Amino acid sequence: MHTVALDVCDEASMARAIVQLKDEGMSPDVLNVSSAGGEFTAPGAGAYHASKYAVESFTDALRMEVARFGICVISVQPGGVRTEFVQAATAANPRARYKVGAAARLLSLR
């Protein structure tokens, strides 16, 4: 779950730093980069989707909490981008594409 901790903790740290700029007389806004993956879940990508759902939830809560200070909080959700990432990642280990997702592995530990 390092993915969730990385995404959410980094977003929270950055938001804290930006909100502190308000105390210095600036008028900051917060822009969190999430993903369309925060709106749906696909097999084999549970940690990724959990992370993006968490970023979306954090952004929504922060938006409500700092609105009274005039700070705008938005989330950008880029969609899919066609790359050769998966092909390159599995080229070194062709069996990697057949591995079961993390969520399924956790369920099999019972």
N, C-alpha and C. Protein backbone atom coordinates (compact mmCIF):
# COMPACT_ATOMS: atom_id res chain seq x y z
N MET A 1 0.82 -1.19 0.00
CA MET A 1 0.00 0.00 0.00
C MET A 1 0.87 1.26 0.00
N HIS A 2 2.13 1.11 -0.40
CA HIS A 2 3.02 2.25 -0.51
C HIS A 2 2.44 3.31 -1.46
N THR A 3 1.73 2.85 -2.48
CA THR A 3 1.12 3.75 -3.45
C THR A 3 0.16 4.71 -2.78
N VAL A 4 -0.70 4.18 -1.90
CA VAL A 4 -1.68 5.03 -1.21
C VAL A 4 -0.96 6.02 -0.31
N ALA A 5 -0.01 5.56 0.46
CA ALA A 5 0.72 6.44 1.36
C ALA A 5 1.44 7.54 0.59
N LEU A 6 2.07 7.17 -0.50
CA LEU A 6 2.80 8.14 -1.30
C LEU A 6 1.86 9.20 -1.85
N ASP A 7 0.80 8.78 -2.51
CA ASP A 7 -0.12 9.74 -3.12
C ASP A 7 -0.78 10.64 -2.08
N VAL A 8 -1.35 10.05 -1.05
CA VAL A 8 -2.13 10.84 -0.10
C VAL A 8 -1.24 11.66 0.83
N CYS A 9 -0.18 11.09 1.35
CA CYS A 9 0.71 11.85 2.25
C CYS A 9 1.39 12.99 1.52
N ASP A 10 1.82 12.75 0.30
CA ASP A 10 2.45 13.83 -0.47
C ASP A 10 1.46 14.93 -0.79
N GLU A 11 0.23 14.55 -1.14
CA GLU A 11 -0.81 15.56 -1.41
C GLU A 11 -1.08 16.37 -0.15
N ALA A 12 -1.16 15.71 0.99
CA ALA A 12 -1.43 16.41 2.25
C ALA A 12 -0.29 17.35 2.62
N SER A 13 0.94 16.91 2.46
CA SER A 13 2.09 17.76 2.76
C SER A 13 2.13 18.99 1.86
N MET A 14 1.87 18.79 0.59
CA MET A 14 1.87 19.90 -0.35
C MET A 14 0.73 20.86 -0.04
N ALA A 15 -0.44 20.33 0.26
CA ALA A 15 -1.59 21.18 0.60
C ALA A 15 -1.29 22.01 1.84
N ARG A 16 -0.67 21.40 2.83
CA ARG A 16 -0.32 22.12 4.06
C ARG A 16 0.61 23.30 3.74
N ALA A 17 1.60 23.05 2.91
CA ALA A 17 2.54 24.11 2.54
C ALA A 17 1.85 25.23 1.76
N ILE A 18 0.93 24.85 0.88
CA ILE A 18 0.22 25.86 0.08
C ILE A 18 -0.70 26.69 0.95
N VAL A 19 -1.43 26.04 1.86
CA VAL A 19 -2.35 26.76 2.74
C VAL A 19 -1.58 27.73 3.64
N GLN A 20 -0.38 27.36 4.04
CA GLN A 20 0.43 28.25 4.87
C GLN A 20 0.81 29.53 4.13
N LEU A 21 0.82 29.49 2.80
CA LEU A 21 1.12 30.69 2.01
C LEU A 21 0.06 31.76 2.25
N LYS A 22 -1.15 31.33 2.57
CA LYS A 22 -2.23 32.28 2.86
C LYS A 22 -1.84 33.15 4.06
N ASP A 23 -1.20 32.55 5.05
CA ASP A 23 -0.76 33.30 6.23
C ASP A 23 0.30 34.34 5.88
N GLU A 24 0.98 34.14 4.76
CA GLU A 24 2.03 35.07 4.34
C GLU A 24 1.49 36.14 3.39
N GLY A 25 0.17 36.23 3.29
CA GLY A 25 -0.45 37.27 2.47
C GLY A 25 -0.65 36.90 1.01
N MET A 26 -0.34 35.70 0.64
CA MET A 26 -0.54 35.27 -0.74
C MET A 26 -1.94 34.69 -0.89
N SER A 27 -2.38 34.50 -2.12
CA SER A 27 -3.68 33.88 -2.35
C SER A 27 -3.48 32.61 -3.18
N PRO A 28 -3.08 31.53 -2.51
CA PRO A 28 -2.76 30.28 -3.22
C PRO A 28 -4.00 29.48 -3.59
N ASP A 29 -3.85 28.62 -4.55
CA ASP A 29 -4.85 27.61 -4.90
C ASP A 29 -4.16 26.26 -4.84
N VAL A 30 -4.95 25.20 -4.69
CA VAL A 30 -4.41 23.85 -4.62
C VAL A 30 -4.91 23.07 -5.84
N LEU A 31 -3.99 22.45 -6.56
CA LEU A 31 -4.33 21.61 -7.70
C LEU A 31 -3.74 20.24 -7.44
N ASN A 32 -4.61 19.26 -7.24
CA ASN A 32 -4.16 17.88 -7.03
C ASN A 32 -4.32 17.10 -8.32
N VAL A 33 -3.30 16.34 -8.68
CA VAL A 33 -3.37 15.51 -9.87
C VAL A 33 -3.78 14.12 -9.43
N SER A 34 -4.94 13.71 -9.90
CA SER A 34 -5.47 12.39 -9.58
C SER A 34 -5.46 11.58 -10.85
N SER A 35 -6.55 10.92 -11.13
CA SER A 35 -6.65 10.10 -12.32
C SER A 35 -8.11 9.72 -12.52
N ALA A 36 -8.46 9.41 -13.74
CA ALA A 36 -9.79 8.86 -13.99
C ALA A 36 -9.93 7.56 -13.20
N GLY A 37 -8.80 6.96 -12.82
CA GLY A 37 -8.81 5.75 -12.01
C GLY A 37 -9.39 5.95 -10.62
N GLY A 38 -9.67 7.19 -10.24
CA GLY A 38 -10.34 7.47 -8.97
C GLY A 38 -11.84 7.40 -9.09
N GLU A 39 -12.32 7.04 -10.28
CA GLU A 39 -13.76 6.96 -10.53
C GLU A 39 -14.24 5.54 -10.84
N PHE A 40 -13.31 4.61 -11.02
CA PHE A 40 -13.67 3.22 -11.32
C PHE A 40 -12.57 2.30 -10.80
N THR A 41 -12.81 1.02 -10.81
CA THR A 41 -11.82 0.05 -10.35
C THR A 41 -11.66 -1.05 -11.39
N ALA A 42 -10.43 -1.44 -11.65
CA ALA A 42 -10.15 -2.51 -12.60
C ALA A 42 -9.38 -3.62 -11.88
N PRO A 43 -9.60 -4.87 -12.27
CA PRO A 43 -8.89 -5.99 -11.64
C PRO A 43 -7.39 -5.85 -11.80
N GLY A 44 -6.67 -6.22 -10.76
CA GLY A 44 -5.22 -6.19 -10.81
C GLY A 44 -4.60 -4.84 -10.49
N ALA A 45 -5.44 -3.84 -10.24
CA ALA A 45 -4.92 -2.50 -9.98
C ALA A 45 -5.55 -1.90 -8.73
N GLY A 46 -5.86 -2.75 -7.77
CA GLY A 46 -6.56 -2.31 -6.56
C GLY A 46 -5.84 -1.23 -5.79
N ALA A 47 -4.53 -1.36 -5.59
CA ALA A 47 -3.77 -0.36 -4.84
C ALA A 47 -3.77 0.98 -5.58
N TYR A 48 -3.61 0.92 -6.89
CA TYR A 48 -3.62 2.14 -7.70
C TYR A 48 -4.97 2.85 -7.56
N HIS A 49 -6.04 2.11 -7.74
CA HIS A 49 -7.38 2.72 -7.67
C HIS A 49 -7.68 3.20 -6.25
N ALA A 50 -7.29 2.46 -5.24
CA ALA A 50 -7.49 2.90 -3.86
C ALA A 50 -6.77 4.21 -3.63
N SER A 51 -5.57 4.33 -4.17
CA SER A 51 -4.80 5.56 -4.04
C SER A 51 -5.52 6.74 -4.68
N LYS A 52 -6.03 6.53 -5.87
CA LYS A 52 -6.70 7.62 -6.58
C LYS A 52 -8.04 7.97 -5.94
N TYR A 53 -8.77 6.98 -5.43
CA TYR A 53 -10.00 7.27 -4.68
C TYR A 53 -9.65 8.12 -3.46
N ALA A 54 -8.56 7.79 -2.78
CA ALA A 54 -8.13 8.54 -1.59
C ALA A 54 -7.78 9.97 -1.95
N VAL A 55 -7.09 10.18 -3.06
CA VAL A 55 -6.76 11.54 -3.50
C VAL A 55 -8.03 12.32 -3.77
N GLU A 56 -8.99 11.69 -4.42
CA GLU A 56 -10.27 12.37 -4.72
C GLU A 56 -10.98 12.76 -3.42
N SER A 57 -11.03 11.84 -2.48
CA SER A 57 -11.71 12.11 -1.20
C SER A 57 -10.98 13.21 -0.43
N PHE A 58 -9.67 13.13 -0.37
CA PHE A 58 -8.87 14.14 0.31
C PHE A 58 -9.11 15.52 -0.32
N THR A 59 -9.12 15.57 -1.64
CA THR A 59 -9.33 16.83 -2.35
C THR A 59 -10.71 17.40 -2.04
N ASP A 60 -11.73 16.55 -2.04
CA ASP A 60 -13.09 17.01 -1.73
C ASP A 60 -13.17 17.59 -0.32
N ALA A 61 -12.59 16.89 0.65
CA ALA A 61 -12.63 17.36 2.04
C ALA A 61 -11.84 18.67 2.18
N LEU A 62 -10.65 18.73 1.59
CA LEU A 62 -9.83 19.93 1.68
C LEU A 62 -10.55 21.12 1.07
N ARG A 63 -11.22 20.89 -0.07
CA ARG A 63 -11.97 21.96 -0.74
C ARG A 63 -12.97 22.59 0.22
N MET A 64 -13.71 21.75 0.95
CA MET A 64 -14.71 22.24 1.89
C MET A 64 -14.07 22.94 3.09
N GLU A 65 -12.93 22.42 3.54
CA GLU A 65 -12.29 22.95 4.74
C GLU A 65 -11.66 24.33 4.53
N VAL A 66 -11.13 24.59 3.34
CA VAL A 66 -10.41 25.85 3.12
C VAL A 66 -11.19 26.86 2.28
N ALA A 67 -12.39 26.52 1.87
CA ALA A 67 -13.19 27.44 1.06
C ALA A 67 -13.41 28.76 1.78
N ARG A 68 -13.62 28.72 3.07
CA ARG A 68 -13.89 29.95 3.83
C ARG A 68 -12.69 30.90 3.85
N PHE A 69 -11.51 30.40 3.49
CA PHE A 69 -10.32 31.23 3.43
C PHE A 69 -10.06 31.75 2.01
N GLY A 70 -10.96 31.43 1.09
CA GLY A 70 -10.81 31.87 -0.28
C GLY A 70 -9.81 31.06 -1.09
N ILE A 71 -9.52 29.85 -0.62
CA ILE A 71 -8.57 28.99 -1.33
C ILE A 71 -9.37 28.01 -2.19
N CYS A 72 -9.05 27.98 -3.46
CA CYS A 72 -9.70 27.08 -4.41
C CYS A 72 -8.92 25.77 -4.47
N VAL A 73 -9.63 24.65 -4.39
CA VAL A 73 -8.99 23.33 -4.46
C VAL A 73 -9.65 22.55 -5.59
N ILE A 74 -8.84 22.10 -6.54
CA ILE A 74 -9.38 21.33 -7.65
C ILE A 74 -8.55 20.07 -7.86
N SER A 75 -9.17 19.12 -8.53
CA SER A 75 -8.51 17.87 -8.87
C SER A 75 -8.55 17.70 -10.38
N VAL A 76 -7.41 17.39 -10.97
CA VAL A 76 -7.33 17.12 -12.39
C VAL A 76 -7.26 15.61 -12.55
N GLN A 77 -8.07 15.08 -13.45
CA GLN A 77 -8.12 13.63 -13.66
C GLN A 77 -7.76 13.29 -15.10
N PRO A 78 -6.48 13.25 -15.40
CA PRO A 78 -6.11 12.86 -16.77
C PRO A 78 -6.58 11.44 -17.07
N GLY A 79 -6.96 11.21 -18.29
CA GLY A 79 -7.39 9.87 -18.69
C GLY A 79 -6.21 9.05 -19.17
N GLY A 80 -6.52 7.98 -19.83
CA GLY A 80 -5.47 7.08 -20.32
C GLY A 80 -4.62 7.72 -21.40
N VAL A 81 -3.39 7.32 -21.45
CA VAL A 81 -2.46 7.80 -22.46
C VAL A 81 -1.84 6.57 -23.11
N ARG A 82 -1.88 6.51 -24.41
CA ARG A 82 -1.33 5.35 -25.11
C ARG A 82 0.20 5.42 -25.09
N THR A 83 0.79 4.43 -24.43
CA THR A 83 2.25 4.33 -24.39
C THR A 83 2.63 2.87 -24.57
N GLU A 84 3.90 2.60 -24.58
CA GLU A 84 4.39 1.22 -24.66
C GLU A 84 4.90 0.75 -23.31
N PHE A 85 4.41 1.37 -22.23
CA PHE A 85 4.88 1.05 -20.88
C PHE A 85 4.68 -0.42 -20.55
N VAL A 86 3.48 -0.95 -20.75
CA VAL A 86 3.21 -2.34 -20.39
C VAL A 86 4.07 -3.29 -21.21
N GLN A 87 4.20 -3.03 -22.50
CA GLN A 87 5.02 -3.89 -23.35
C GLN A 87 6.47 -3.87 -22.89
N ALA A 88 6.97 -2.69 -22.55
CA ALA A 88 8.36 -2.59 -22.11
C ALA A 88 8.55 -3.27 -20.75
N ALA A 89 7.57 -3.11 -19.86
CA ALA A 89 7.68 -3.68 -18.52
C ALA A 89 7.61 -5.20 -18.56
N THR A 90 6.83 -5.75 -19.48
CA THR A 90 6.70 -7.21 -19.53
C THR A 90 7.68 -7.87 -20.50
N ALA A 91 8.38 -7.08 -21.28
CA ALA A 91 9.33 -7.66 -22.23
C ALA A 91 10.43 -8.44 -21.52
N ALA A 92 10.90 -7.94 -20.40
CA ALA A 92 11.96 -8.61 -19.65
C ALA A 92 11.46 -9.88 -18.97
N ASN A 93 10.18 -9.93 -18.66
CA ASN A 93 9.59 -11.09 -17.99
C ASN A 93 8.22 -11.36 -18.61
N PRO A 94 8.16 -12.10 -19.71
CA PRO A 94 6.90 -12.33 -20.42
C PRO A 94 5.80 -12.93 -19.55
N ARG A 95 6.17 -13.67 -18.49
CA ARG A 95 5.15 -14.27 -17.62
C ARG A 95 4.50 -13.22 -16.73
N ALA A 96 5.07 -12.04 -16.60
CA ALA A 96 4.55 -11.00 -15.71
C ALA A 96 3.12 -10.61 -16.07
N ARG A 97 2.79 -10.64 -17.35
CA ARG A 97 1.44 -10.22 -17.74
C ARG A 97 0.36 -11.19 -17.25
N TYR A 98 0.75 -12.39 -16.82
CA TYR A 98 -0.23 -13.37 -16.36
C TYR A 98 -0.35 -13.42 -14.85
N LYS A 99 0.40 -12.59 -14.15
CA LYS A 99 0.35 -12.62 -12.69
C LYS A 99 -0.98 -12.09 -12.19
N VAL A 100 -1.41 -12.64 -11.09
CA VAL A 100 -2.67 -12.23 -10.47
C VAL A 100 -2.46 -10.89 -9.78
N GLY A 101 -3.49 -10.05 -9.78
CA GLY A 101 -3.42 -8.74 -9.14
C GLY A 101 -3.22 -8.83 -7.64
N ALA A 102 -2.79 -7.73 -7.04
CA ALA A 102 -2.48 -7.68 -5.61
C ALA A 102 -3.69 -8.03 -4.75
N ALA A 103 -4.88 -7.55 -5.12
CA ALA A 103 -6.08 -7.83 -4.34
C ALA A 103 -6.37 -9.33 -4.32
N ALA A 104 -6.23 -9.98 -5.46
CA ALA A 104 -6.48 -11.42 -5.53
C ALA A 104 -5.45 -12.20 -4.70
N ARG A 105 -4.19 -11.74 -4.72
CA ARG A 105 -3.16 -12.41 -3.92
C ARG A 105 -3.48 -12.29 -2.44
N LEU A 106 -3.95 -11.13 -1.99
CA LEU A 106 -4.30 -10.95 -0.58
C LEU A 106 -5.44 -11.89 -0.19
N LEU A 107 -6.42 -12.02 -1.07
CA LEU A 107 -7.56 -12.90 -0.77
C LEU A 107 -7.12 -14.35 -0.68
N SER A 108 -6.11 -14.73 -1.43
CA SER A 108 -5.66 -16.12 -1.44
C SER A 108 -4.84 -16.47 -0.20
N LEU A 109 -4.49 -15.49 0.62
CA LEU A 109 -3.69 -15.74 1.83
C LEU A 109 -4.51 -16.28 2.98
N ARG A 110 -5.83 -16.24 2.88
CA ARG A 110 -6.67 -16.70 4.00
C ARG A 110 -6.45 -18.15 4.31
